[in-house]
């Protein structure tokens, strides 16, 4: 089992990290990957048959993630986006998760997400808009680290597959590959849509529900509520401490 998990994780990063880096660095990269997105929407992200909060979140996330891709890619192509647009799109994406967390009894982690959204006003969100360049946003590393652990706790709390937590690591690896830490937000935007595309299209067996260690069967229980609560409380305490120290 451990060997299978290592194999699936390695394959996951071999697929996702180069593609994310390609889209992050090349403004035209996302359009060359777009056919997979159409297949994913057709196969994996049709309107949910149930009406649970998580199903609603999935539908909203597809729309808001694609909007974020438009904003990032437009800036790469030289169209540009204002500070207010970047903050609004990022904030809305995060609040969707925070509200979903709140609806499924994840209050501490939901509060952590809300504080991170509020702290965006303190982030130095000036960014490059020259055509042919990466989308560079100088978010502070404490904020990025808190975002990563907050989103990881959210994905765990609502029972998403392990792949949705692994994909949080991909943007960090991309910034190291490109030697550009300010490329994190662009890489996170593309990696989020990419994992939705790969999951929806079932690109390889590792993205097929129940066929690998990182993508569980639909409906399979995976959340330990005590661990979920502890993780959320730790996140809330960390963001509160960083806020007090003015690190976020």
Protein backbone atom coordinates (compact mmCIF):
# COMPACT_ATOMS: atom_id res chain seq x y z
CA UNK A 1 0.00 0.00 0.00
CA UNK A 2 2.79 2.42 0.90
CA UNK A 3 4.63 1.61 -2.32
CA UNK A 4 1.46 2.19 -4.35
CA UNK A 5 0.92 5.54 -2.63
CA UNK A 6 4.48 6.63 -3.43
CA UNK A 7 4.09 5.51 -7.05
CA UNK A 8 0.76 7.32 -7.50
CA UNK A 9 2.05 10.47 -5.82
CA UNK A 10 5.16 10.53 -8.01
CA UNK A 11 3.05 10.04 -11.15
CA UNK A 12 0.69 12.78 -9.98
CA UNK A 13 3.52 15.30 -9.71
CA UNK A 14 5.11 14.14 -12.97
CA UNK A 15 1.85 15.00 -14.72
CA UNK A 16 0.75 18.14 -12.88
CA UNK A 17 3.95 20.07 -12.15
CA UNK A 18 5.33 20.32 -15.72
CA UNK A 19 1.90 21.22 -17.13
CA UNK A 20 1.37 23.85 -14.43
CA UNK A 21 4.84 25.29 -15.04
CA UNK A 22 4.16 25.39 -18.79
CA UNK A 23 0.92 27.33 -18.37
CA UNK A 24 2.44 29.62 -15.74
CA UNK A 25 5.42 30.54 -17.92
CA UNK A 26 3.83 30.60 -21.40
CA UNK A 27 0.78 32.87 -21.87
CA UNK A 28 -0.45 30.61 -24.69
CA UNK A 29 0.03 27.43 -22.69
CA UNK A 30 -3.45 27.41 -21.19
CA UNK A 31 -5.05 27.57 -24.63
CA UNK A 32 -3.07 24.54 -25.76
CA UNK A 33 -4.41 22.61 -22.76
CA UNK A 34 -7.99 23.94 -23.14
CA UNK A 35 -9.38 20.90 -25.05
CA UNK A 36 -8.88 18.82 -21.91
CA UNK A 37 -10.98 21.34 -20.00
CA UNK A 38 -13.89 20.88 -22.40
CA UNK A 39 -13.67 17.12 -21.99
CA UNK A 40 -13.54 17.48 -18.21
CA UNK A 41 -16.63 19.67 -18.11
CA UNK A 42 -18.50 17.17 -20.27
CA UNK A 43 -17.50 14.08 -18.30
CA UNK A 44 -16.81 15.08 -14.74
CA UNK A 45 -18.43 18.38 -13.88
CA UNK A 46 -21.96 18.28 -15.18
CA UNK A 47 -24.57 19.71 -12.74
CA UNK A 48 -24.80 17.60 -9.58
CA UNK A 49 -27.83 15.35 -9.10
CA UNK A 50 -27.88 16.08 -5.38
CA UNK A 51 -28.15 19.40 -3.61
CA UNK A 52 -25.59 19.11 -0.82
CA UNK A 53 -23.38 22.06 0.06
CA UNK A 54 -20.33 20.26 -1.32
CA UNK A 55 -22.02 19.61 -4.68
CA UNK A 56 -22.98 23.28 -4.93
CA UNK A 57 -19.41 24.23 -4.04
CA UNK A 58 -18.03 22.01 -6.83
CA UNK A 59 -20.26 23.68 -9.43
CA UNK A 60 -19.40 27.18 -8.23
CA UNK A 61 -15.71 26.32 -8.06
CA UNK A 62 -15.58 25.34 -11.72
CA UNK A 63 -17.07 28.70 -12.73
CA UNK A 64 -14.94 30.82 -10.40
CA UNK A 65 -11.77 28.88 -11.25
CA UNK A 66 -12.29 29.44 -14.96
CA UNK A 67 -12.88 33.14 -14.26
CA UNK A 68 -9.60 33.27 -12.35
CA UNK A 69 -7.83 31.64 -15.31
CA UNK A 70 -9.22 34.36 -17.59
CA UNK A 71 -7.92 37.09 -15.28
CA UNK A 72 -4.45 35.55 -14.98
CA UNK A 73 -4.11 34.74 -18.66
CA UNK A 74 -5.37 38.15 -19.75
CA UNK A 75 -2.64 39.76 -17.67
CA UNK A 76 -0.04 37.46 -19.21
CA UNK A 77 -1.21 38.44 -22.68
CA UNK A 78 -0.94 42.13 -21.83
CA UNK A 79 -4.60 43.00 -21.28
CA UNK A 80 -3.99 43.56 -17.60
CA UNK A 81 -6.18 43.41 -14.52
CA UNK A 82 -6.61 45.95 -11.77
CA UNK A 83 -5.65 45.39 -8.15
CA UNK A 84 -9.35 45.33 -7.25
CA UNK A 85 -10.12 42.61 -9.81
CA UNK A 86 -7.30 40.35 -8.56
CA UNK A 87 -8.31 40.79 -4.91
CA UNK A 88 -12.00 40.24 -5.71
CA UNK A 89 -11.50 37.06 -7.76
CA UNK A 90 -9.08 35.57 -5.23
CA UNK A 91 -11.30 36.58 -2.31
CA UNK A 92 -14.45 35.13 -3.87
CA UNK A 93 -12.68 31.82 -4.59
CA UNK A 94 -11.56 31.61 -0.97
CA UNK A 95 -14.91 32.66 0.51
CA UNK A 96 -16.66 29.91 -1.46
CA UNK A 97 -14.51 27.39 0.39
CA UNK A 98 -14.88 29.14 3.75
CA UNK A 99 -18.68 29.23 3.47
CA UNK A 100 -18.78 25.58 2.44
CA UNK A 101 -16.55 24.71 5.39
CA UNK A 102 -18.93 26.59 7.68
CA UNK A 103 -21.96 24.76 6.27
CA UNK A 104 -20.40 21.38 7.01
CA UNK A 105 -19.36 22.23 10.58
CA UNK A 106 -15.82 23.45 9.99
CA UNK A 107 -16.14 26.71 11.95
CA UNK A 108 -12.47 27.19 13.06
CA UNK A 109 -11.10 26.61 9.58
CA UNK A 110 -13.86 28.75 8.04
CA UNK A 111 -12.82 31.62 10.32
CA UNK A 112 -9.20 31.09 9.30
CA UNK A 113 -10.21 31.42 5.65
CA UNK A 114 -12.20 34.57 6.36
CA UNK A 115 -9.21 36.14 8.14
CA UNK A 116 -6.96 35.30 5.21
CA UNK A 117 -9.40 36.98 2.83
CA UNK A 118 -9.55 40.05 5.09
CA UNK A 119 -5.75 40.18 5.19
CA UNK A 120 -5.57 40.52 1.39
CA UNK A 121 -5.93 44.25 1.91
CA UNK A 122 -2.47 44.21 3.52
CA UNK A 123 -0.79 42.22 0.75
CA UNK A 124 1.49 44.03 -1.75
CA UNK A 125 -0.57 43.03 -4.78
CA UNK A 126 1.24 45.03 -7.44
CA UNK A 127 1.90 42.78 -10.42
CA UNK A 128 3.53 42.65 -13.84
CA UNK A 129 1.30 43.01 -16.88
CA UNK A 130 3.80 42.99 -19.75
CA UNK A 131 2.71 40.64 -22.57
CA UNK A 132 4.62 37.38 -22.76
CA UNK A 133 5.50 37.34 -19.07
CA UNK A 134 4.42 35.35 -16.06
CA UNK A 135 1.67 36.66 -13.81
CA UNK A 136 3.71 37.87 -10.84
CA UNK A 137 2.10 38.79 -7.53
CA UNK A 138 4.33 39.43 -4.48
CA UNK A 139 2.25 37.75 -1.79
CA UNK A 140 4.11 37.27 1.48
CA UNK A 141 5.29 33.75 2.23
CA UNK A 142 3.53 33.56 5.62
CA UNK A 143 0.26 34.25 3.77
CA UNK A 144 1.02 31.59 1.14
CA UNK A 145 1.91 29.04 3.84
CA UNK A 146 -1.28 29.79 5.78
CA UNK A 147 -3.36 29.57 2.61
CA UNK A 148 -1.85 26.16 1.84
CA UNK A 149 -2.57 24.63 5.24
CA UNK A 150 -6.02 26.28 5.41
CA UNK A 151 -7.02 24.92 2.00
CA UNK A 152 -5.57 21.52 2.84
CA UNK A 153 -7.74 21.36 5.96
CA UNK A 154 -10.79 22.41 3.95
CA UNK A 155 -10.23 19.70 1.31
CA UNK A 156 -9.78 17.12 4.07
CA UNK A 157 -12.80 18.33 6.01
CA UNK A 158 -15.24 18.07 3.12
CA UNK A 159 -13.89 14.67 2.07
CA UNK A 160 -12.13 15.58 -1.17
CA UNK A 161 -9.64 13.07 -2.60
CA UNK A 162 -5.98 13.19 -1.60
CA UNK A 163 -5.17 14.61 -5.04
CA UNK A 164 -6.86 17.90 -4.10
CA UNK A 165 -4.41 18.26 -1.21
CA UNK A 166 -1.41 17.17 -3.24
CA UNK A 167 -2.18 19.82 -5.86
CA UNK A 168 -1.54 22.48 -3.21
CA UNK A 169 2.13 21.49 -3.33
CA UNK A 170 2.40 21.83 -7.11
CA UNK A 171 2.49 25.69 -7.18
CA UNK A 172 5.28 25.67 -4.59
CA UNK A 173 7.31 23.26 -6.74
CA UNK A 174 6.61 25.38 -9.83
CA UNK A 175 7.98 28.52 -8.16
CA UNK A 176 11.17 26.59 -7.39
CA UNK A 177 11.40 25.25 -10.96
CA UNK A 178 10.93 28.70 -12.46
CA UNK A 179 13.02 30.39 -9.75
CA UNK A 180 10.23 32.94 -9.34
CA UNK A 181 8.43 32.95 -5.96
CA UNK A 182 6.03 35.66 -7.11
CA UNK A 183 4.60 33.28 -9.72
CA UNK A 184 2.79 31.31 -6.97
CA UNK A 185 -0.69 32.81 -7.49
CA UNK A 186 -0.64 32.20 -11.23
CA UNK A 187 0.60 28.66 -10.67
CA UNK A 188 -2.06 28.03 -8.03
CA UNK A 189 -4.77 29.28 -10.39
CA UNK A 190 -3.67 27.01 -13.22
CA UNK A 191 -3.00 23.99 -10.99
CA UNK A 192 -6.49 24.18 -9.48
CA UNK A 193 -8.16 24.07 -12.88
CA UNK A 194 -5.70 21.44 -14.06
CA UNK A 195 -6.58 18.98 -11.29
CA UNK A 196 -10.28 19.51 -12.03
CA UNK A 197 -9.58 18.82 -15.71
CA UNK A 198 -7.54 15.70 -15.01
CA UNK A 199 -10.09 14.38 -12.52
CA UNK A 200 -13.01 15.09 -14.85
CA UNK A 201 -11.36 13.58 -17.93
CA UNK A 202 -9.79 10.70 -15.92
CA UNK A 203 -6.56 11.36 -17.83
CA UNK A 204 -4.79 8.35 -16.29
CA UNK A 205 -5.81 5.70 -13.78
CA UNK A 206 -4.57 7.86 -10.90
CA UNK A 207 -7.38 10.35 -11.61
CA UNK A 208 -10.09 7.69 -11.86
CA UNK A 209 -12.16 7.41 -8.66
CA UNK A 210 -11.29 4.25 -6.77
CA UNK A 211 -8.45 3.25 -9.11
CA UNK A 212 -5.54 4.78 -7.19
CA UNK A 213 -4.49 5.75 -3.69
CA UNK A 214 -4.91 9.47 -4.35
CA UNK A 215 -8.42 9.50 -5.85
CA UNK A 216 -10.92 7.74 -3.63
CA UNK A 217 -14.22 6.20 -4.76
CA UNK A 218 -17.13 8.63 -4.86
CA UNK A 219 -18.86 8.83 -1.49
CA UNK A 220 -16.16 6.96 0.41
CA UNK A 221 -15.74 8.30 3.99
CA UNK A 222 -12.32 9.80 4.65
CA UNK A 223 -12.64 12.46 7.36
CA UNK A 224 -11.71 12.00 10.99
CA UNK A 225 -13.72 14.72 12.72
CA UNK A 226 -11.36 15.04 15.69
CA UNK A 227 -8.36 15.52 13.42
CA UNK A 228 -10.35 17.90 11.25
CA UNK A 229 -11.27 20.06 14.26
CA UNK A 230 -7.68 20.08 15.56
CA UNK A 231 -6.32 21.07 12.15
CA UNK A 232 -8.86 23.90 11.84
CA UNK A 233 -8.11 25.20 15.33
CA UNK A 234 -4.35 25.11 14.64
CA UNK A 235 -4.90 27.06 11.41
CA UNK A 236 -7.04 29.65 13.17
CA UNK A 237 -4.46 30.11 15.93
CA UNK A 238 -1.66 30.43 13.37
CA UNK A 239 -3.42 33.06 11.27
CA UNK A 240 -4.43 34.99 14.39
CA UNK A 241 -0.82 34.96 15.63
CA UNK A 242 0.49 36.08 12.24
CA UNK A 243 -2.15 38.81 12.09
CA UNK A 244 -1.09 40.01 15.54
CA UNK A 245 2.55 40.01 14.46
CA UNK A 246 1.57 41.77 11.21
CA UNK A 247 3.01 38.98 9.06
CA UNK A 248 -0.13 38.70 6.94
